[in-house]
Protein backbone atom coordinates (compact mmCIF):
# COMPACT_ATOMS: atom_id res chain seq x y z
CA MET A 1 -2.84 18.75 -0.88
CA GLN A 2 -3.84 19.68 2.75
CA LEU A 3 -4.79 16.75 5.09
CA GLU A 4 -4.24 16.81 8.75
CA THR A 5 -2.58 13.33 9.46
CA ILE A 6 -0.78 13.26 6.12
CA ALA A 7 2.24 15.10 4.64
CA ILE A 8 2.31 15.44 1.15
CA SER A 9 5.14 16.49 -1.29
CA VAL A 10 5.54 16.09 -5.12
CA ALA A 11 8.70 16.10 -6.93
CA GLU A 12 9.46 14.64 -10.65
CA GLY A 13 6.70 12.66 -10.80
CA ILE A 14 6.63 10.73 -7.35
CA ALA A 15 4.06 11.70 -4.38
CA ARG A 16 5.70 11.10 -0.98
CA LEU A 17 3.00 10.36 1.40
CA GLU A 18 4.13 10.58 5.14
CA LEU A 19 2.06 9.16 8.04
CA ASN A 20 2.26 12.39 10.13
CA ARG A 21 1.43 11.60 13.55
CA PRO A 22 4.48 10.96 14.90
CA ASP A 23 3.77 11.71 18.75
CA LYS A 24 1.30 8.71 18.61
CA ALA A 25 3.32 6.51 16.27
CA ASN A 26 1.65 7.54 13.86
CA ALA A 27 -1.07 5.19 14.96
CA MET A 28 -3.47 5.26 12.59
CA ASN A 29 -6.82 7.15 14.04
CA ALA A 30 -10.14 7.76 12.30
CA ARG A 31 -9.13 10.75 10.48
CA LEU A 32 -5.92 8.94 9.05
CA TRP A 33 -8.03 6.35 7.88
CA ASN A 34 -9.90 8.93 5.90
CA ASP A 35 -6.63 10.92 4.84
CA LEU A 36 -5.30 7.86 3.67
CA ARG A 37 -8.30 7.09 1.10
CA GLU A 38 -8.23 10.59 0.06
CA ALA A 39 -4.66 10.43 -0.57
CA CYS A 40 -4.71 7.67 -2.87
CA ARG A 41 -7.77 9.14 -4.78
CA TRP A 42 -5.73 12.33 -5.13
CA VAL A 43 -2.65 10.23 -6.64
CA ASP A 44 -4.81 8.16 -8.59
CA ALA A 45 -6.39 11.52 -10.12
CA THR A 46 -3.78 14.00 -10.53
CA PRO A 47 -1.60 13.49 -14.19
CA GLN A 48 1.86 14.59 -13.01
CA VAL A 49 1.90 11.96 -10.30
CA ARG A 50 3.16 8.69 -11.56
CA VAL A 51 3.88 6.84 -8.58
CA ALA A 52 3.59 7.24 -4.88
CA VAL A 53 5.50 6.25 -1.65
CA ILE A 54 3.88 6.02 1.93
CA SER A 55 6.64 6.06 4.30
CA GLY A 56 6.13 7.32 8.47
CA ARG A 57 7.21 10.21 10.05
CA GLY A 58 9.35 10.06 13.29
CA ARG A 59 10.74 6.85 14.76
CA VAL A 60 8.41 4.64 13.09
CA PHE A 61 6.08 3.59 10.17
CA SER A 62 3.14 3.28 12.22
CA ALA A 63 2.04 1.19 15.42
CA GLY A 64 -1.63 0.16 13.65
CA ILE A 65 -4.76 1.09 14.82
CA ASP A 66 -5.40 3.53 17.42
CA LEU A 67 -6.48 1.78 20.39
CA ALA A 68 -8.25 4.69 21.60
CA MET A 69 -10.30 4.34 18.12
CA LEU A 70 -11.23 0.83 19.21
CA ALA A 71 -12.18 1.73 22.93
CA SER A 72 -14.54 4.32 21.51
CA LEU A 73 -15.98 1.92 18.98
CA ARG A 74 -18.66 0.42 21.04
CA ALA A 75 -20.11 3.66 21.96
CA GLU A 76 -20.47 4.92 18.44
CA ILE A 77 -21.59 1.83 17.23
CA ALA A 78 -24.42 1.34 19.57
CA ARG A 79 -28.09 1.14 18.30
CA PRO A 80 -31.15 0.47 20.52
CA CYS A 81 -31.63 -2.60 18.20
CA GLU A 82 -28.85 -5.09 18.58
CA ALA A 83 -28.92 -5.84 14.90
CA ARG A 84 -28.81 -2.35 14.25
CA THR A 85 -25.66 -2.25 16.23
CA ARG A 86 -23.99 -5.21 14.50
CA GLU A 87 -25.28 -3.60 11.12
CA ARG A 88 -23.25 -0.49 12.03
CA LEU A 89 -20.14 -2.36 13.05
CA ARG A 90 -19.90 -3.94 9.38
CA GLU A 91 -20.48 -0.53 7.79
CA VAL A 92 -17.61 0.73 9.90
CA ILE A 93 -15.31 -2.61 8.96
CA LEU A 94 -16.51 -2.11 5.46
CA ASP A 95 -15.17 1.42 5.31
CA LEU A 96 -11.71 0.60 7.16
CA GLN A 97 -11.76 -2.08 4.57
CA ASP A 98 -12.29 0.57 1.39
CA THR A 99 -9.30 2.96 2.66
CA LEU A 100 -6.77 0.08 2.15
CA THR A 101 -8.39 -1.00 -1.10
CA ALA A 102 -7.68 2.46 -2.50
CA ILE A 103 -4.31 2.06 -2.53
CA GLU A 104 -4.72 -0.87 -4.97
CA HIS A 105 -7.63 1.29 -6.82
CA CYS A 106 -5.18 3.45 -7.11
CA ARG A 107 -3.75 3.13 -10.91
CA LYS A 108 -0.38 4.07 -10.05
CA PRO A 109 2.06 2.16 -8.47
CA VAL A 110 2.68 2.13 -4.19
CA LEU A 111 5.54 1.67 -2.60
CA ALA A 112 5.61 1.15 1.03
CA ALA A 113 9.02 2.13 3.18
CA ILE A 114 9.14 0.75 6.51
CA HIS A 115 11.30 1.45 9.61
CA GLY A 116 11.04 0.98 12.92
CA ALA A 117 7.69 -0.74 14.28
CA CYS A 118 5.21 -1.89 11.37
CA ILE A 119 2.47 -3.11 13.47
CA GLY A 120 -1.50 -4.72 13.34
CA GLY A 121 -3.07 -2.34 10.91
CA ALA A 122 0.19 -0.95 9.41
CA VAL A 123 0.96 -4.63 8.11
CA ASP A 124 -2.60 -4.22 6.47
CA LEU A 125 -1.51 -1.14 4.51
CA ALA A 126 1.83 -2.45 3.58
CA CYS A 127 0.20 -5.67 2.24
CA ALA A 128 -2.12 -3.49 0.21
CA CYS A 129 1.09 -1.34 -1.44
CA ASP A 130 2.66 -2.57 -4.38
CA MET A 131 6.01 -3.02 -3.27
CA ARG A 132 7.33 -2.94 0.44
CA TYR A 133 10.87 -1.94 1.54
CA ALA A 134 12.46 -1.88 4.74
CA SER A 135 15.51 -0.54 7.21
CA VAL A 136 17.39 -2.82 9.03
CA SER A 137 15.30 -0.90 11.90
CA ALA A 138 12.19 -2.11 10.70
CA SER A 139 10.02 -4.99 12.81
CA PHE A 140 6.45 -6.19 11.92
CA ALA A 141 3.63 -7.99 14.01
CA VAL A 142 0.23 -9.42 12.99
CA LYS A 143 -0.98 -8.36 16.32
CA GLU A 144 -4.82 -8.43 16.06
CA ILE A 145 -4.54 -12.13 17.98
CA ASP A 146 -3.34 -10.71 21.02
CA LEU A 147 -6.17 -8.14 20.91
CA GLY A 148 -8.45 -11.50 20.87
CA MET A 149 -9.71 -10.17 17.32
CA VAL A 150 -9.56 -11.49 13.87
CA ALA A 151 -7.51 -9.12 11.21
CA ASP A 152 -10.08 -8.09 9.21
CA VAL A 153 -9.00 -5.06 6.71
CA GLY A 154 -6.64 -7.19 4.38
CA THR A 155 -3.91 -8.81 5.85
CA LEU A 156 -5.78 -12.16 6.07
CA GLN A 157 -6.69 -11.94 2.36
CA ARG A 158 -3.57 -10.45 1.07
CA LEU A 159 -0.72 -11.67 3.25
CA PRO A 160 -1.24 -15.25 2.20
CA LYS A 161 -0.59 -13.87 -1.74
CA LEU A 162 2.72 -12.40 -0.89
CA VAL A 163 4.20 -15.09 1.41
CA PRO A 164 4.22 -18.73 1.93
CA HIS A 165 0.65 -19.62 3.23
CA GLY A 166 2.07 -21.76 6.41
CA ILE A 167 4.50 -18.73 6.85
CA ALA A 168 1.25 -16.53 6.72
CA ARG A 169 -0.64 -18.68 9.05
CA GLU A 170 1.93 -18.77 11.53
CA LEU A 171 1.87 -15.03 12.02
CA ALA A 172 -1.54 -14.85 12.23
CA TYR A 173 -1.85 -17.47 14.78
CA THR A 174 0.74 -16.47 17.06
CA GLY A 175 1.22 -12.60 16.57
CA ALA A 176 4.71 -13.25 16.80
CA ALA A 177 7.27 -10.12 16.09
CA PHE A 178 9.91 -10.33 13.04
CA ASP A 179 12.84 -8.76 11.60
CA ALA A 180 13.47 -7.28 7.96
CA ALA A 181 15.79 -9.96 7.61
CA PHE A 182 12.87 -12.31 7.99
CA ALA A 183 10.42 -10.26 6.04
CA LYS A 184 12.96 -10.30 3.41
CA GLU A 185 13.58 -14.03 3.52
CA ILE A 186 9.85 -15.23 3.40
CA GLY A 187 9.21 -12.38 0.51
CA PHE A 188 7.46 -10.10 2.36
CA VAL A 189 9.56 -7.00 1.77
CA ASN A 190 11.96 -6.68 -1.91
CA ARG A 191 14.49 -5.44 0.22
CA VAL A 192 16.17 -4.35 3.01
CA TYR A 193 18.81 -1.33 3.64
CA GLU A 194 21.30 -0.81 6.22
CA SER A 195 20.12 2.54 7.29
CA ASP A 196 17.12 4.33 7.35
CA GLU A 197 18.55 7.19 5.35
CA ALA A 198 19.65 4.27 2.77
CA LEU A 199 15.83 3.21 2.43
CA ALA A 200 15.04 6.71 1.62
CA ARG A 201 17.58 6.88 -0.83
CA GLY A 202 16.84 3.31 -2.54
CA VAL A 203 12.91 3.77 -2.52
CA ALA A 204 13.25 7.25 -4.27
CA ALA A 205 15.72 5.73 -7.04
CA MET A 206 13.43 2.76 -7.65
CA ALA A 207 10.60 5.31 -7.83
CA SER A 208 12.21 7.68 -10.25
CA GLN A 209 13.09 4.50 -12.36
CA ILE A 210 9.31 3.46 -12.35
CA ALA A 211 8.47 7.01 -13.12
CA ALA A 212 10.55 7.43 -16.19
CA LYS A 213 8.46 4.51 -17.25
CA SER A 214 5.61 4.72 -19.70
CA PRO A 215 2.33 5.62 -17.29
CA LEU A 216 -0.05 4.19 -19.61
CA ALA A 217 2.04 0.73 -19.57
CA ILE A 218 2.35 1.22 -15.80
CA ARG A 219 -1.25 1.68 -15.40
CA GLY A 220 -1.93 -1.30 -17.24
CA ILE A 221 0.21 -3.40 -15.25
CA LYS A 222 -0.82 -2.87 -12.35
CA GLU A 223 -4.20 -3.57 -13.70
CA MET A 224 -3.19 -6.88 -14.66
CA LEU A 225 -1.12 -8.33 -11.95
CA LEU A 226 -3.67 -7.56 -9.65
CA HIS A 227 -6.64 -9.28 -11.78
CA ALA A 228 -3.77 -12.16 -12.46
CA ARG A 229 -3.74 -12.58 -8.16
CA ASP A 230 -7.31 -13.00 -8.25
CA HIS A 231 -8.27 -14.93 -11.02
CA GLY A 232 -6.50 -17.94 -13.24
CA VAL A 233 -4.16 -17.84 -16.24
CA ALA A 234 -7.00 -18.33 -18.95
CA ASP A 235 -8.97 -15.18 -17.78
CA GLY A 236 -5.84 -13.44 -17.14
CA LEU A 237 -4.88 -13.67 -20.94
CA ARG A 238 -8.03 -12.70 -21.78
CA TYR A 239 -8.16 -9.94 -20.30
CA ALA A 240 -5.04 -8.96 -21.05
CA ALA A 241 -5.67 -8.99 -24.69
CA ALA A 242 -8.96 -7.26 -24.40
CA TRP A 243 -6.62 -4.47 -22.53
CA ASN A 244 -3.80 -4.50 -25.20
CA ALA A 245 -6.62 -4.41 -27.95
CA ALA A 246 -7.51 -0.86 -26.81
CA MET A 247 -4.46 0.41 -25.60
CA LEU A 248 -1.36 -1.19 -27.12
CA MET A 249 -1.18 1.34 -30.06
CA SER A 250 -0.58 4.35 -28.27
CA ASP A 251 1.46 7.27 -28.17
CA ASP A 252 3.74 5.67 -25.25
CA LEU A 253 4.61 3.18 -27.67
CA GLY A 254 5.31 5.14 -30.48
CA GLU A 255 7.64 6.98 -28.23
CA ALA A 256 9.39 4.20 -26.76
CA MET A 257 10.18 2.76 -30.08
CA ALA A 258 11.36 6.33 -31.58
CA ALA A 259 13.78 6.82 -28.33
CA GLN A 260 15.26 3.43 -28.80
CA MET A 261 15.89 4.13 -32.29
CA ALA A 262 17.68 7.66 -31.23
CA LYS A 263 19.32 6.23 -28.38
CA ARG A 264 17.69 8.76 -26.12
CA PRO A 265 15.59 8.38 -22.86
CA PRO A 266 12.30 8.39 -23.94
CA ARG A 267 9.75 11.75 -22.99
CA PHE A 268 6.15 10.30 -21.94
CA ALA A 269 3.16 12.07 -21.33
CA ASP A 270 1.17 11.99 -18.26
């Protein structure tokens, strides 16, 4: 798959999606938003891809939304009728939201490997990933408050499900930058690595470990975890029962049991 702002490579079941505007600090322009959605849909639809890793090419993960894109927004949405102008703005926001929701809608796990700056819209992106990993060079900021705006594409909805609610409020109200150690302390990232190179190796190892598991079961686990995040325990249990009534008796189950009995690695179909 060829995209303008995201470099894609696939090996051993792992798709590597690199934000590829290094000369612009991987700022998220309109093309990158669209490419990200297309990349996630491609990962979801491609059987030989079992896990995806999102990273940034160059010095940083991403400086967030491209300010030139914001600056051009007023002209883009302008209509003779004020109500239609505001309707168009709502459509633009919903479309950007849909881009990051595509990460959650992707049935395969999506891991974020973060080095350098991860600012504003890039935090929204990271929040939508299944797991986040960082090098010591990483720094984060929920920066929208410093632009006089309310973050509107996912951070305020997802971050409080990842970190303590009071911490999410503090970060959103102040726009204060925080480092990888604090991100690990509050549970925003799973692990911190001592260098960018160690980050790449560590995330690759984690992705390989996931890619070796039953793809059908991994897809089901992601579905269950997202459902549990947004529903009560009783609803989640009923959904899990319905899911496994349909999916439990699979070839993957038979292969996993046979592999354990034979003391060999399992071999799962995509």
